[in-house]
Amino acid sequence: MSNNTEAMTPINENVCFTSCTNQDDFDKLKQGLTLLEQAKVYDHNRDYYAAIRHYRDGVDYLMDEFMSRTSANEQSKEYLRFKCHKILNRVDILKKLIRQQEHETLQKAMDADEQEK
């Protein structure tokens, strides 16, 4: 994938789905998008563990759906890879936030313990 994101043109969602012949073809795609929407809500509500789980599962569904489609065009696959990469970057940020929160909680507990003595 190119590092130049400006060269990547936005695509119409219909481009991704032109090879589908019936509505059942979208099951994994729908599940993946539903999980990603739920992940956004968890993320917004600062439930980072649930957000990470939903982001990862959503990306798995999307990648499974599109990588199994040999008839999907390369532009659609590239766009999907780019979006999944951005989502997984968010997962990494959330993991760092969790570690930071755990460290702060531990530090507060240690400080409180010290003050009691």
PDB file of N, CA and C in Angstrom:
ATOM      1  N   MET A   1       0.840  -1.171   0.000  1.00  0.00           N
ATOM      2  CA  MET A   1       0.000   0.000   0.000  1.00  0.00           C
ATOM      3  C   MET A   1       0.883   1.231   0.000  1.00  0.00           C
ATOM      4  N   SER A   2       0.465   2.207  -0.714  1.00  0.00           N
ATOM      5  CA  SER A   2       1.217   3.441  -0.820  1.00  0.00           C
ATOM      6  C   SER A   2       1.071   4.241   0.463  1.00  0.00           C
ATOM      7  N   ASN A   3       2.129   4.953   0.840  1.00  0.00           N
ATOM      8  CA  ASN A   3       2.071   5.801   2.023  1.00  0.00           C
ATOM      9  C   ASN A   3       1.391   7.115   1.726  1.00  0.00           C
ATOM     10  N   ASN A   4       1.198   7.426   0.458  1.00  0.00           N
ATOM     11  CA  ASN A   4       0.580   8.680   0.067  1.00  0.00           C
ATOM     12  C   ASN A   4      -0.930   8.514   0.073  1.00  0.00           C
ATOM     13  N   THR A   5      -1.583   8.962   1.128  1.00  0.00           N
ATOM     14  CA  THR A   5      -3.022   8.791   1.242  1.00  0.00           C
ATOM     15  C   THR A   5      -3.768   9.765   0.349  1.00  0.00           C
ATOM     16  N   GLU A   6      -3.133  10.850  -0.093  1.00  0.00           N
ATOM     17  CA  GLU A   6      -3.791  11.796  -0.966  1.00  0.00           C
ATOM     18  C   GLU A   6      -4.056  11.179  -2.331  1.00  0.00           C
ATOM     19  N   ALA A   7      -3.237  10.235  -2.731  1.00  0.00           N
ATOM     20  CA  ALA A   7      -3.406   9.611  -4.027  1.00  0.00           C
ATOM     21  C   ALA A   7      -4.602   8.669  -4.039  1.00  0.00           C
ATOM     22  N   MET A   8      -5.025   8.239  -2.865  1.00  0.00           N
ATOM     23  CA  MET A   8      -6.145   7.325  -2.789  1.00  0.00           C
ATOM     24  C   MET A   8      -7.430   8.123  -2.910  1.00  0.00           C
ATOM     25  N   THR A   9      -8.230   7.806  -3.893  1.00  0.00           N
ATOM     26  CA  THR A   9      -9.461   8.540  -4.094  1.00  0.00           C
ATOM     27  C   THR A   9     -10.593   7.850  -3.357  1.00  0.00           C
ATOM     28  N   PRO A  10     -11.495   8.639  -2.800  1.00  0.00           N
ATOM     29  CA  PRO A  10     -12.640   8.018  -2.154  1.00  0.00           C
ATOM     30  C   PRO A  10     -13.463   7.292  -3.206  1.00  0.00           C
ATOM     31  N   ILE A  11     -14.013   6.184  -2.811  1.00  0.00           N
ATOM     32  CA  ILE A  11     -14.811   5.429  -3.771  1.00  0.00           C
ATOM     33  C   ILE A  11     -16.243   5.367  -3.308  1.00  0.00           C
ATOM     34  N   ASN A  12     -17.104   5.235  -4.234  1.00  0.00           N
ATOM     35  CA  ASN A  12     -18.507   5.057  -3.936  1.00  0.00           C
ATOM     36  C   ASN A  12     -18.673   3.663  -3.369  1.00  0.00           C
ATOM     37  N   GLU A  13     -19.457   3.521  -2.310  1.00  0.00           N
ATOM     38  CA  GLU A  13     -19.623   2.201  -1.703  1.00  0.00           C
ATOM     39  C   GLU A  13     -20.180   1.195  -2.690  1.00  0.00           C
ATOM     40  N   ASN A  14     -20.921   1.653  -3.679  1.00  0.00           N
ATOM     41  CA  ASN A  14     -21.481   0.737  -4.668  1.00  0.00           C
ATOM     42  C   ASN A  14     -20.393   0.050  -5.479  1.00  0.00           C
ATOM     43  N   VAL A  15     -19.234   0.692  -5.614  1.00  0.00           N
ATOM     44  CA  VAL A  15     -18.129   0.083  -6.347  1.00  0.00           C
ATOM     45  C   VAL A  15     -17.697  -1.200  -5.662  1.00  0.00           C
ATOM     46  N   CYS A  16     -17.693  -1.204  -4.347  1.00  0.00           N
ATOM     47  CA  CYS A  16     -17.267  -2.372  -3.581  1.00  0.00           C
ATOM     48  C   CYS A  16     -18.212  -3.549  -3.752  1.00  0.00           C
ATOM     49  N   PHE A  17     -19.452  -3.263  -4.008  1.00  0.00           N
ATOM     50  CA  PHE A  17     -20.450  -4.303  -3.927  1.00  0.00           C
ATOM     51  C   PHE A  17     -21.048  -4.717  -5.265  1.00  0.00           C
ATOM     52  N   THR A  18     -20.501  -4.249  -6.350  1.00  0.00           N
ATOM     53  CA  THR A  18     -21.102  -4.526  -7.643  1.00  0.00           C
ATOM     54  C   THR A  18     -21.074  -5.996  -8.002  1.00  0.00           C
ATOM     55  N   SER A  19     -20.169  -6.756  -7.418  1.00  0.00           N
ATOM     56  CA  SER A  19     -20.072  -8.172  -7.760  1.00  0.00           C
ATOM     57  C   SER A  19     -21.070  -9.039  -6.995  1.00  0.00           C
ATOM     58  N   CYS A  20     -21.781  -8.470  -6.037  1.00  0.00           N
ATOM     59  CA  CYS A  20     -22.721  -9.248  -5.244  1.00  0.00           C
ATOM     60  C   CYS A  20     -24.018  -9.444  -6.022  1.00  0.00           C
ATOM     61  N   THR A  21     -24.544 -10.641  -5.958  1.00  0.00           N
ATOM     62  CA  THR A  21     -25.745 -10.931  -6.720  1.00  0.00           C
ATOM     63  C   THR A  21     -26.995 -10.964  -5.869  1.00  0.00           C
ATOM     64  N   ASN A  22     -26.880 -11.226  -4.583  1.00  0.00           N
ATOM     65  CA  ASN A  22     -28.064 -11.179  -3.734  1.00  0.00           C
ATOM     66  C   ASN A  22     -27.718 -10.625  -2.367  1.00  0.00           C
ATOM     67  N   GLN A  23     -28.754 -10.318  -1.615  1.00  0.00           N
ATOM     68  CA  GLN A  23     -28.559  -9.649  -0.328  1.00  0.00           C
ATOM     69  C   GLN A  23     -27.815 -10.511   0.684  1.00  0.00           C
ATOM     70  N   ASP A  24     -27.912 -11.845   0.582  1.00  0.00           N
ATOM     71  CA  ASP A  24     -27.223 -12.725   1.513  1.00  0.00           C
ATOM     72  C   ASP A  24     -25.704 -12.614   1.395  1.00  0.00           C
ATOM     73  N   ASP A  25     -25.220 -12.107   0.265  1.00  0.00           N
ATOM     74  CA  ASP A  25     -23.785 -11.948   0.075  1.00  0.00           C
ATOM     75  C   ASP A  25     -23.192 -10.937   1.055  1.00  0.00           C
ATOM     76  N   PHE A  26     -24.029 -10.128   1.671  1.00  0.00           N
ATOM     77  CA  PHE A  26     -23.547  -9.064   2.538  1.00  0.00           C
ATOM     78  C   PHE A  26     -23.528  -9.420   4.016  1.00  0.00           C
ATOM     79  N   ASP A  27     -23.806 -10.662   4.387  1.00  0.00           N
ATOM     80  CA  ASP A  27     -23.925 -11.024   5.798  1.00  0.00           C
ATOM     81  C   ASP A  27     -22.680 -10.664   6.609  1.00  0.00           C
ATOM     82  N   LYS A  28     -21.516 -11.074   6.171  1.00  0.00           N
ATOM     83  CA  LYS A  28     -20.288 -10.776   6.918  1.00  0.00           C
ATOM     84  C   LYS A  28     -20.022  -9.281   6.926  1.00  0.00           C
ATOM     85  N   LEU A  29     -20.288  -8.655   5.808  1.00  0.00           N
ATOM     86  CA  LEU A  29     -20.093  -7.211   5.719  1.00  0.00           C
ATOM     87  C   LEU A  29     -20.991  -6.482   6.707  1.00  0.00           C
ATOM     88  N   LYS A  30     -22.262  -6.856   6.764  1.00  0.00           N
ATOM     89  CA  LYS A  30     -23.197  -6.229   7.699  1.00  0.00           C
ATOM     90  C   LYS A  30     -22.756  -6.454   9.143  1.00  0.00           C
ATOM     91  N   GLN A  31     -22.342  -7.683   9.449  1.00  0.00           N
ATOM     92  CA  GLN A  31     -21.907  -7.992  10.812  1.00  0.00           C
ATOM     93  C   GLN A  31     -20.677  -7.156  11.170  1.00  0.00           C
ATOM     94  N   GLY A  32     -19.746  -7.053  10.242  1.00  0.00           N
ATOM     95  CA  GLY A  32     -18.540  -6.272  10.488  1.00  0.00           C
ATOM     96  C   GLY A  32     -18.847  -4.808  10.718  1.00  0.00           C
ATOM     97  N   LEU A  33     -19.714  -4.233   9.893  1.00  0.00           N
ATOM     98  CA  LEU A  33     -20.065  -2.820  10.045  1.00  0.00           C
ATOM     99  C   LEU A  33     -20.838  -2.581  11.337  1.00  0.00           C
ATOM    100  N   THR A  34     -21.683  -3.518  11.712  1.00  0.00           N
ATOM    101  CA  THR A  34     -22.418  -3.408  12.982  1.00  0.00           C
ATOM    102  C   THR A  34     -21.450  -3.421  14.157  1.00  0.00           C
ATOM    103  N   LEU A  35     -20.486  -4.327  14.116  1.00  0.00           N
ATOM    104  CA  LEU A  35     -19.491  -4.385  15.194  1.00  0.00           C
ATOM    105  C   LEU A  35     -18.669  -3.100  15.273  1.00  0.00           C
ATOM    106  N   LEU A  36     -18.328  -2.535  14.122  1.00  0.00           N
ATOM    107  CA  LEU A  36     -17.549  -1.295  14.116  1.00  0.00           C
ATOM    108  C   LEU A  36     -18.362  -0.126  14.665  1.00  0.00           C
ATOM    109  N   GLU A  37     -19.651  -0.083  14.361  1.00  0.00           N
ATOM    110  CA  GLU A  37     -20.504   0.965  14.927  1.00  0.00           C
ATOM    111  C   GLU A  37     -20.600   0.816  16.443  1.00  0.00           C
ATOM    112  N   GLN A  38     -20.751  -0.417  16.906  1.00  0.00           N
ATOM    113  CA  GLN A  38     -20.792  -0.654  18.350  1.00  0.00           C
ATOM    114  C   GLN A  38     -19.458  -0.265  18.989  1.00  0.00           C
ATOM    115  N   ALA A  39     -18.364  -0.549  18.303  1.00  0.00           N
ATOM    116  CA  ALA A  39     -17.040  -0.204  18.831  1.00  0.00           C
ATOM    117  C   ALA A  39     -16.917   1.301  19.018  1.00  0.00           C
ATOM    118  N   LYS A  40     -17.444   2.068  18.084  1.00  0.00           N
ATOM    119  CA  LYS A  40     -17.395   3.532  18.203  1.00  0.00           C
ATOM    120  C   LYS A  40     -18.133   3.999  19.451  1.00  0.00           C
ATOM    121  N   VAL A  41     -19.275   3.384  19.722  1.00  0.00           N
ATOM    122  CA  VAL A  41     -20.058   3.764  20.903  1.00  0.00           C
ATOM    123  C   VAL A  41     -19.270   3.432  22.170  1.00  0.00           C
ATOM    124  N   TYR A  42     -18.710   2.221  22.233  1.00  0.00           N
ATOM    125  CA  TYR A  42     -17.897   1.845  23.396  1.00  0.00           C
ATOM    126  C   TYR A  42     -16.697   2.780  23.548  1.00  0.00           C
ATOM    127  N   ASP A  43     -16.063   3.091  22.438  1.00  0.00           N
ATOM    128  CA  ASP A  43     -14.914   3.990  22.452  1.00  0.00           C
ATOM    129  C   ASP A  43     -15.328   5.356  23.009  1.00  0.00           C
ATOM    130  N   HIS A  44     -16.428   5.874  22.520  1.00  0.00           N
ATOM    131  CA  HIS A  44     -16.924   7.173  22.978  1.00  0.00           C
ATOM    132  C   HIS A  44     -17.244   7.159  24.469  1.00  0.00           C
ATOM    133  N   ASN A  45     -17.758   6.033  24.946  1.00  0.00           N
ATOM    134  CA  ASN A  45     -18.114   5.891  26.361  1.00  0.00           C
ATOM    135  C   ASN A  45     -16.930   5.462  27.229  1.00  0.00           C
ATOM    136  N   ARG A  46     -15.778   5.394  26.629  1.00  0.00           N
ATOM    137  CA  ARG A  46     -14.520   5.051  27.307  1.00  0.00           C
ATOM    138  C   ARG A  46     -14.497   3.631  27.880  1.00  0.00           C
ATOM    139  N   ASP A  47     -15.245   2.745  27.250  1.00  0.00           N
ATOM    140  CA  ASP A  47     -15.179   1.317  27.586  1.00  0.00           C
ATOM    141  C   ASP A  47     -14.200   0.711  26.579  1.00  0.00           C
ATOM    142  N   TYR A  48     -12.923   0.921  26.854  1.00  0.00           N
ATOM    143  CA  TYR A  48     -11.893   0.610  25.875  1.00  0.00           C
ATOM    144  C   TYR A  48     -11.724  -0.884  25.620  1.00  0.00           C
ATOM    145  N   TYR A  49     -11.931  -1.702  26.633  1.00  0.00           N
ATOM    146  CA  TYR A  49     -11.807  -3.151  26.420  1.00  0.00           C
ATOM    147  C   TYR A  49     -12.845  -3.643  25.409  1.00  0.00           C
ATOM    148  N   ALA A  50     -14.089  -3.224  25.599  1.00  0.00           N
ATOM    149  CA  ALA A  50     -15.151  -3.628  24.668  1.00  0.00           C
ATOM    150  C   ALA A  50     -14.917  -3.018  23.286  1.00  0.00           C
ATOM    151  N   ALA A  51     -14.455  -1.787  23.248  1.00  0.00           N
ATOM    152  CA  ALA A  51     -14.191  -1.139  21.959  1.00  0.00           C
ATOM    153  C   ALA A  51     -13.131  -1.905  21.176  1.00  0.00           C
ATOM    154  N   ILE A  52     -12.060  -2.280  21.842  1.00  0.00           N
ATOM    155  CA  ILE A  52     -10.987  -3.027  21.170  1.00  0.00           C
ATOM    156  C   ILE A  52     -11.528  -4.338  20.622  1.00  0.00           C
ATOM    157  N   ARG A  53     -12.269  -5.046  21.434  1.00  0.00           N
ATOM    158  CA  ARG A  53     -12.818  -6.336  20.998  1.00  0.00           C
ATOM    159  C   ARG A  53     -13.709  -6.165  19.769  1.00  0.00           C
ATOM    160  N   HIS A  54     -14.579  -5.159  19.783  1.00  0.00           N
ATOM    161  CA  HIS A  54     -15.494  -4.932  18.665  1.00  0.00           C
ATOM    162  C   HIS A  54     -14.751  -4.427  17.425  1.00  0.00           C
ATOM    163  N   TYR A  55     -13.776  -3.538  17.607  1.00  0.00           N
ATOM    164  CA  TYR A  55     -12.989  -3.076  16.458  1.00  0.00           C
ATOM    165  C   TYR A  55     -12.295  -4.267  15.776  1.00  0.00           C
ATOM    166  N   ARG A  56     -11.655  -5.103  16.577  1.00  0.00           N
ATOM    167  CA  ARG A  56     -10.927  -6.241  15.998  1.00  0.00           C
ATOM    168  C   ARG A  56     -11.862  -7.218  15.301  1.00  0.00           C
ATOM    169  N   ASP A  57     -12.967  -7.548  15.946  1.00  0.00           N
ATOM    170  CA  ASP A  57     -13.915  -8.478  15.335  1.00  0.00           C
ATOM    171  C   ASP A  57     -14.508  -7.894  14.053  1.00  0.00           C
ATOM    172  N   GLY A  58     -14.826  -6.599  14.074  1.00  0.00           N
ATOM    173  CA  GLY A  58     -15.367  -5.946  12.883  1.00  0.00           C
ATOM    174  C   GLY A  58     -14.391  -5.977  11.724  1.00  0.00           C
ATOM    175  N   VAL A  59     -13.132  -5.685  12.001  1.00  0.00           N
ATOM    176  CA  VAL A  59     -12.101  -5.734  10.957  1.00  0.00           C
ATOM    177  C   VAL A  59     -11.950  -7.160  10.430  1.00  0.00           C
ATOM    178  N   ASP A  60     -11.998  -8.137  11.321  1.00  0.00           N
ATOM    179  CA  ASP A  60     -11.894  -9.537  10.883  1.00  0.00           C
ATOM    180  C   ASP A  60     -13.007  -9.900   9.905  1.00  0.00           C
ATOM    181  N   TYR A  61     -14.235  -9.493  10.228  1.00  0.00           N
ATOM    182  CA  TYR A  61     -15.351  -9.785   9.322  1.00  0.00           C
ATOM    183  C   TYR A  61     -15.159  -9.107   7.970  1.00  0.00           C
ATOM    184  N   LEU A  62     -14.774  -7.840   8.001  1.00  0.00           N
ATOM    185  CA  LEU A  62     -14.600  -7.117   6.737  1.00  0.00           C
ATOM    186  C   LEU A  62     -13.499  -7.728   5.876  1.00  0.00           C
ATOM    187  N   MET A  63     -12.377  -8.009   6.502  1.00  0.00           N
ATOM    188  CA  MET A  63     -11.263  -8.572   5.734  1.00  0.00           C
ATOM    189  C   MET A  63     -11.620  -9.957   5.203  1.00  0.00           C
ATOM    190  N   ASP A  64     -12.292 -10.750   5.993  1.00  0.00           N
ATOM    191  CA  ASP A  64     -12.696 -12.080   5.550  1.00  0.00           C
ATOM    192  C   ASP A  64     -13.637 -11.985   4.351  1.00  0.00           C
ATOM    193  N   GLU A  65     -14.584 -11.073   4.425  1.00  0.00           N
ATOM    194  CA  GLU A  65     -15.550 -10.907   3.342  1.00  0.00           C
ATOM    195  C   GLU A  65     -14.870 -10.477   2.037  1.00  0.00           C
ATOM    196  N   PHE A  66     -14.041  -9.470   2.116  1.00  0.00           N
ATOM    197  CA  PHE A  66     -13.472  -8.935   0.886  1.00  0.00           C
ATOM    198  C   PHE A  66     -12.307  -9.757   0.345  1.00  0.00           C
ATOM    199  N   MET A  67     -11.563 -10.374   1.227  1.00  0.00           N
ATOM    200  CA  MET A  67     -10.457 -11.183   0.726  1.00  0.00           C
ATOM    201  C   MET A  67     -10.956 -12.484   0.109  1.00  0.00           C
ATOM    202  N   SER A  68     -12.162 -12.897   0.481  1.00  0.00           N
ATOM    203  CA  SER A  68     -12.722 -14.112  -0.115  1.00  0.00           C
ATOM    204  C   SER A  68     -13.358 -13.829  -1.472  1.00  0.00           C
ATOM    205  N   ARG A  69     -13.551 -12.584  -1.788  1.00  0.00           N
ATOM    206  CA  ARG A  69     -14.160 -12.207  -3.071  1.00  0.00           C
ATOM    207  C   ARG A  69     -13.087 -12.004  -4.131  1.00  0.00           C
ATOM    208  N   THR A  70     -13.025 -12.930  -5.027  1.00  0.00           N
ATOM    209  CA  THR A  70     -12.047 -12.796  -6.115  1.00  0.00           C
ATOM    210  C   THR A  70     -12.523 -11.789  -7.154  1.00  0.00           C
ATOM    211  N   SER A  71     -13.813 -11.517  -7.177  1.00  0.00           N
ATOM    212  CA  SER A  71     -14.337 -10.610  -8.189  1.00  0.00           C
ATOM    213  C   SER A  71     -14.300  -9.145  -7.749  1.00  0.00           C
ATOM    214  N   ALA A  72     -13.963  -8.856  -6.496  1.00  0.00           N
ATOM    215  CA  ALA A  72     -13.879  -7.465  -6.038  1.00  0.00           C
ATOM    216  C   ALA A  72     -12.701  -6.788  -6.715  1.00  0.00           C
ATOM    217  N   ASN A  73     -12.902  -5.531  -7.093  1.00  0.00           N
ATOM    218  CA  ASN A  73     -11.814  -4.836  -7.785  1.00  0.00           C
ATOM    219  C   ASN A  73     -10.716  -4.414  -6.817  1.00  0.00           C
ATOM    220  N   GLU A  74      -9.556  -4.170  -7.347  1.00  0.00           N
ATOM    221  CA  GLU A  74      -8.380  -3.863  -6.522  1.00  0.00           C
ATOM    222  C   GLU A  74      -8.537  -2.541  -5.780  1.00  0.00           C
ATOM    223  N   GLN A  75      -9.214  -1.580  -6.387  1.00  0.00           N
ATOM    224  CA  GLN A  75      -9.426  -0.293  -5.724  1.00  0.00           C
ATOM    225  C   GLN A  75     -10.245  -0.483  -4.446  1.00  0.00           C
ATOM    226  N   SER A  76     -11.247  -1.320  -4.501  1.00  0.00           N
ATOM    227  CA  SER A  76     -12.076  -1.596  -3.319  1.00  0.00           C
ATOM    228  C   SER A  76     -11.260  -2.264  -2.228  1.00  0.00           C
ATOM    229  N   LYS A  77     -10.452  -3.228  -2.613  1.00  0.00           N
ATOM    230  CA  LYS A  77      -9.627  -3.929  -1.630  1.00  0.00           C
ATOM    231  C   LYS A  77      -8.603  -2.989  -1.004  1.00  0.00           C
ATOM    232  N   GLU A  78      -8.015  -2.126  -1.805  1.00  0.00           N
ATOM    233  CA  GLU A  78      -7.023  -1.180  -1.286  1.00  0.00           C
ATOM    234  C   GLU A  78      -7.668  -0.200  -0.313  1.00  0.00           C
ATOM    235  N   TYR A  79      -8.835   0.281  -0.653  1.00  0.00           N
ATOM    236  CA  TYR A  79      -9.566   1.191   0.219  1.00  0.00           C
ATOM    237  C   TYR A  79      -9.893   0.500   1.537  1.00  0.00           C
ATOM    238  N   LEU A  80     -10.326  -0.751   1.470  1.00  0.00           N
ATOM    239  CA  LEU A  80     -10.644  -1.518   2.669  1.00  0.00           C
ATOM    240  C   LEU A  80      -9.407  -1.722   3.536  1.00  0.00           C
ATOM    241  N   ARG A  81      -8.290  -2.058   2.918  1.00  0.00           N
ATOM    242  CA  ARG A  81      -7.043  -2.224   3.682  1.00  0.00           C
ATOM    243  C   ARG A  81      -6.671  -0.935   4.404  1.00  0.00           C
ATOM    244  N   PHE A  82      -6.810   0.185   3.714  1.00  0.00           N
ATOM    245  CA  PHE A  82      -6.501   1.484   4.298  1.00  0.00           C
ATOM    246  C   PHE A  82      -7.392   1.760   5.517  1.00  0.00           C
ATOM    247  N   LYS A  83      -8.693   1.541   5.367  1.00  0.00           N
ATOM    248  CA  LYS A  83      -9.619   1.775   6.473  1.00  0.00           C
ATOM    249  C   LYS A  83      -9.336   0.842   7.645  1.00  0.00           C
ATOM    250  N   CYS A  84      -9.076  -0.428   7.361  1.00  0.00           N
ATOM    251  CA  CYS A  84      -8.768  -1.389   8.422  1.00  0.00           C
ATOM    252  C   CYS A  84      -7.482  -1.004   9.146  1.00  0.00           C
ATOM    253  N   HIS A  85      -6.522  -0.507   8.400  1.00  0.00           N
ATOM    254  CA  HIS A  85      -5.265  -0.058   8.998  1.00  0.00           C
ATOM    255  C   HIS A  85      -5.534   1.096   9.977  1.00  0.00           C
ATOM    256  N   LYS A  86      -6.388   2.040   9.591  1.00  0.00           N
ATOM    257  CA  LYS A  86      -6.725   3.151  10.473  1.00  0.00           C
ATOM    258  C   LYS A  86      -7.424   2.650  11.738  1.00  0.00           C
ATOM    259  N   ILE A  87      -8.317   1.681  11.581  1.00  0.00           N
ATOM    260  CA  ILE A  87      -9.030   1.133  12.736  1.00  0.00           C
ATOM    261  C   ILE A  87      -8.050   0.435  13.674  1.00  0.00           C
ATOM    262  N   LEU A  88      -7.138  -0.335  13.112  1.00  0.00           N
ATOM    263  CA  LEU A  88      -6.170  -1.047  13.947  1.00  0.00           C
ATOM    264  C   LEU A  88      -5.196  -0.080  14.621  1.00  0.00           C
ATOM    265  N   ASN A  89      -4.925   1.055  14.000  1.00  0.00           N
ATOM    266  CA  ASN A  89      -4.128   2.092  14.667  1.00  0.00           C
ATOM    267  C   ASN A  89      -4.882   2.620  15.889  1.00  0.00           C
ATOM    268  N   ARG A  90      -6.197   2.773  15.762  1.00  0.00           N
ATOM    269  CA  ARG A  90      -7.006   3.210  16.897  1.00  0.00           C
ATOM    270  C   ARG A  90      -6.951   2.179  18.014  1.00  0.00           C
ATOM    271  N   VAL A  91      -6.976   0.907  17.663  1.00  0.00           N
ATOM    272  CA  VAL A  91      -6.862  -0.160  18.660  1.00  0.00           C
ATOM    273  C   VAL A  91      -5.554  -0.019  19.425  1.00  0.00           C
ATOM    274  N   ASP A  92      -4.461   0.254  18.721  1.00  0.00           N
ATOM    275  CA  ASP A  92      -3.165   0.441  19.389  1.00  0.00           C
ATOM    276  C   ASP A  92      -3.209   1.623  20.354  1.00  0.00           C
ATOM    277  N   ILE A  93      -3.855   2.706  19.947  1.00  0.00           N
ATOM    278  CA  ILE A  93      -3.987   3.875  20.827  1.00  0.00           C
ATOM    279  C   ILE A  93      -4.787   3.520  22.075  1.00  0.00           C
ATOM    280  N   LEU A  94      -5.859   2.765  21.894  1.00  0.00           N
ATOM    281  CA  LEU A  94      -6.683   2.361  23.045  1.00  0.00           C
ATOM    282  C   LEU A  94      -5.903   1.476  24.001  1.00  0.00           C
ATOM    283  N   LYS A  95      -5.081   0.589  23.458  1.00  0.00           N
ATOM    284  CA  LYS A  95      -4.248  -0.257  24.323  1.00  0.00           C
ATOM    285  C   LYS A  95      -3.305   0.591  25.163  1.00  0.00           C
ATOM    286  N   LYS A  96      -2.742   1.619  24.558  1.00  0.00           N
ATOM    287  CA  LYS A  96      -1.854   2.519  25.303  1.00  0.00           C
ATOM    288  C   LYS A  96      -2.621   3.262  26.387  1.00  0.00           C
ATOM    289  N   LEU A  97      -3.832   3.710  26.068  1.00  0.00           N
ATOM    290  CA  LEU A  97      -4.657   4.391  27.067  1.00  0.00           C
ATOM    291  C   LEU A  97      -4.971   3.477  28.246  1.00  0.00           C
ATOM    292  N   ILE A  98      -5.269   2.217  27.944  1.00  0.00           N
ATOM    293  CA  ILE A  98      -5.558   1.248  29.008  1.00  0.00           C
ATOM    294  C   ILE A  98      -4.333   1.065  29.899  1.00  0.00           C
ATOM    295  N   ARG A  99      -3.164   0.896  29.284  1.00  0.00           N
ATOM    296  CA  ARG A  99      -1.940   0.735  30.081  1.00  0.00           C
ATOM    297  C   ARG A  99      -1.687   1.960  30.945  1.00  0.00           C
ATOM    298  N   GLN A 100      -1.913   3.143  30.373  1.00  0.00           N
ATOM    299  CA  GLN A 100      -1.706   4.380  31.118  1.00  0.00           C
ATOM    300  C   GLN A 100      -2.685   4.465  32.294  1.00  0.00           C
ATOM    301  N   GLN A 101      -3.942   4.127  32.061  1.00  0.00           N
ATOM    302  CA  GLN A 101      -4.933   4.161  33.132  1.00  0.00           C
ATOM    303  C   GLN A 101      -4.598   3.163  34.226  1.00  0.00           C
ATOM    304  N   GLU A 102      -4.163   1.972  33.826  1.00  0.00           N
ATOM    305  CA  GLU A 102      -3.791   0.961  34.819  1.00  0.00           C
ATOM    306  C   GLU A 102      -2.601   1.434  35.645  1.00  0.00           C
ATOM    307  N   HIS A 103      -1.645   2.061  34.981  1.00  0.00           N
ATOM    308  CA  HIS A 103      -0.469   2.580  35.691  1.00  0.00           C
ATOM    309  C   HIS A 103      -0.875   3.674  36.674  1.00  0.00           C
ATOM    310  N   GLU A 104      -1.753   4.576  36.234  1.00  0.00           N
ATOM    311  CA  GLU A 104      -2.205   5.652  37.114  1.00  0.00           C
ATOM    312  C   GLU A 104      -2.985   5.109  38.301  1.00  0.00           C
ATOM    313  N   THR A 105      -3.811   4.100  38.069  1.00  0.00           N
ATOM    314  CA  THR A 105      -4.580   3.483  39.149  1.00  0.00           C
ATOM    315  C   THR A 105      -3.654   2.816  40.157  1.00  0.00           C
ATOM    316  N   LEU A 106      -2.671   2.115  39.654  1.00  0.00           N
ATOM    317  CA  LEU A 106      -1.702   1.471  40.532  1.00  0.00           C
ATOM    318  C   LEU A 106      -0.920   2.505  41.330  1.00  0.00           C
ATOM    319  N   GLN A 107      -0.527   3.588  40.664  1.00  0.00           N
ATOM    320  CA  GLN A 107       0.225   4.646  41.342  1.00  0.00           C
ATOM    321  C   GLN A 107      -0.618   5.280  42.444  1.00  0.00           C
ATOM    322  N   LYS A 108      -1.899   5.530  42.172  1.00  0.00           N
ATOM    323  CA  LYS A 108      -2.788   6.112  43.192  1.00  0.00           C
ATOM    324  C   LYS A 108      -2.940   5.173  44.380  1.00  0.00           C
ATOM    325  N   ALA A 109      -3.065   3.890  44.116  1.00  0.00           N
ATOM    326  CA  ALA A 109      -3.201   2.906  45.184  1.00  0.00           C
ATOM    327  C   ALA A 109      -1.943   2.874  46.029  1.00  0.00           C
ATOM    328  N   MET A 110      -0.788   2.937  45.388  1.00  0.00           N
ATOM    329  CA  MET A 110       0.478   2.937  46.133  1.00  0.00           C
ATOM    330  C   MET A 110       0.619   4.205  46.946  1.00  0.00           C
ATOM    331  N   ASP A 111       0.219   5.340  46.396  1.00  0.00           N
ATOM    332  CA  ASP A 111       0.284   6.603  47.126  1.00  0.00           C
ATOM    333  C   ASP A 111      -0.651   6.589  48.324  1.00  0.00           C
ATOM    334  N   ALA A 112      -1.848   6.047  48.150  1.00  0.00           N
ATOM    335  CA  ALA A 112      -2.796   5.957  49.245  1.00  0.00           C
ATOM    336  C   ALA A 112      -2.272   5.037  50.340  1.00  0.00           C
ATOM    337  N   ASP A 113      -1.628   3.963  49.945  1.00  0.00           N
ATOM    338  CA  ASP A 113      -1.036   3.023  50.905  1.00  0.00           C
ATOM    339  C   ASP A 113       0.070   3.709  51.691  1.00  0.00           C
ATOM    340  N   GLU A 114       0.869   4.503  51.028  1.00  0.00           N
ATOM    341  CA  GLU A 114       1.968   5.228  51.683  1.00  0.00           C
ATOM    342  C   GLU A 114       1.426   6.241  52.685  1.00  0.00           C
ATOM    343  N   GLN A 115       0.314   6.910  52.320  1.00  0.00           N
ATOM    344  CA  GLN A 115      -0.263   7.925  53.205  1.00  0.00           C
ATOM    345  C   GLN A 115      -0.871   7.298  54.465  1.00  0.00           C
ATOM    346  N   GLU A 116      -1.347   6.070  54.342  1.00  0.00           N
ATOM    347  CA  GLU A 116      -1.925   5.379  55.501  1.00  0.00           C
ATOM    348  C   GLU A 116      -0.866   5.001  56.522  1.00  0.00           C
ATOM    349  N   LYS A 117       0.348   4.804  56.094  1.00  0.00           N
ATOM    350  CA  LYS A 117       1.417   4.380  57.012  1.00  0.00           C
ATOM    351  C   LYS A 117       1.959   5.489  57.815  1.00  0.00           C
TER     352      LYS A 117
END
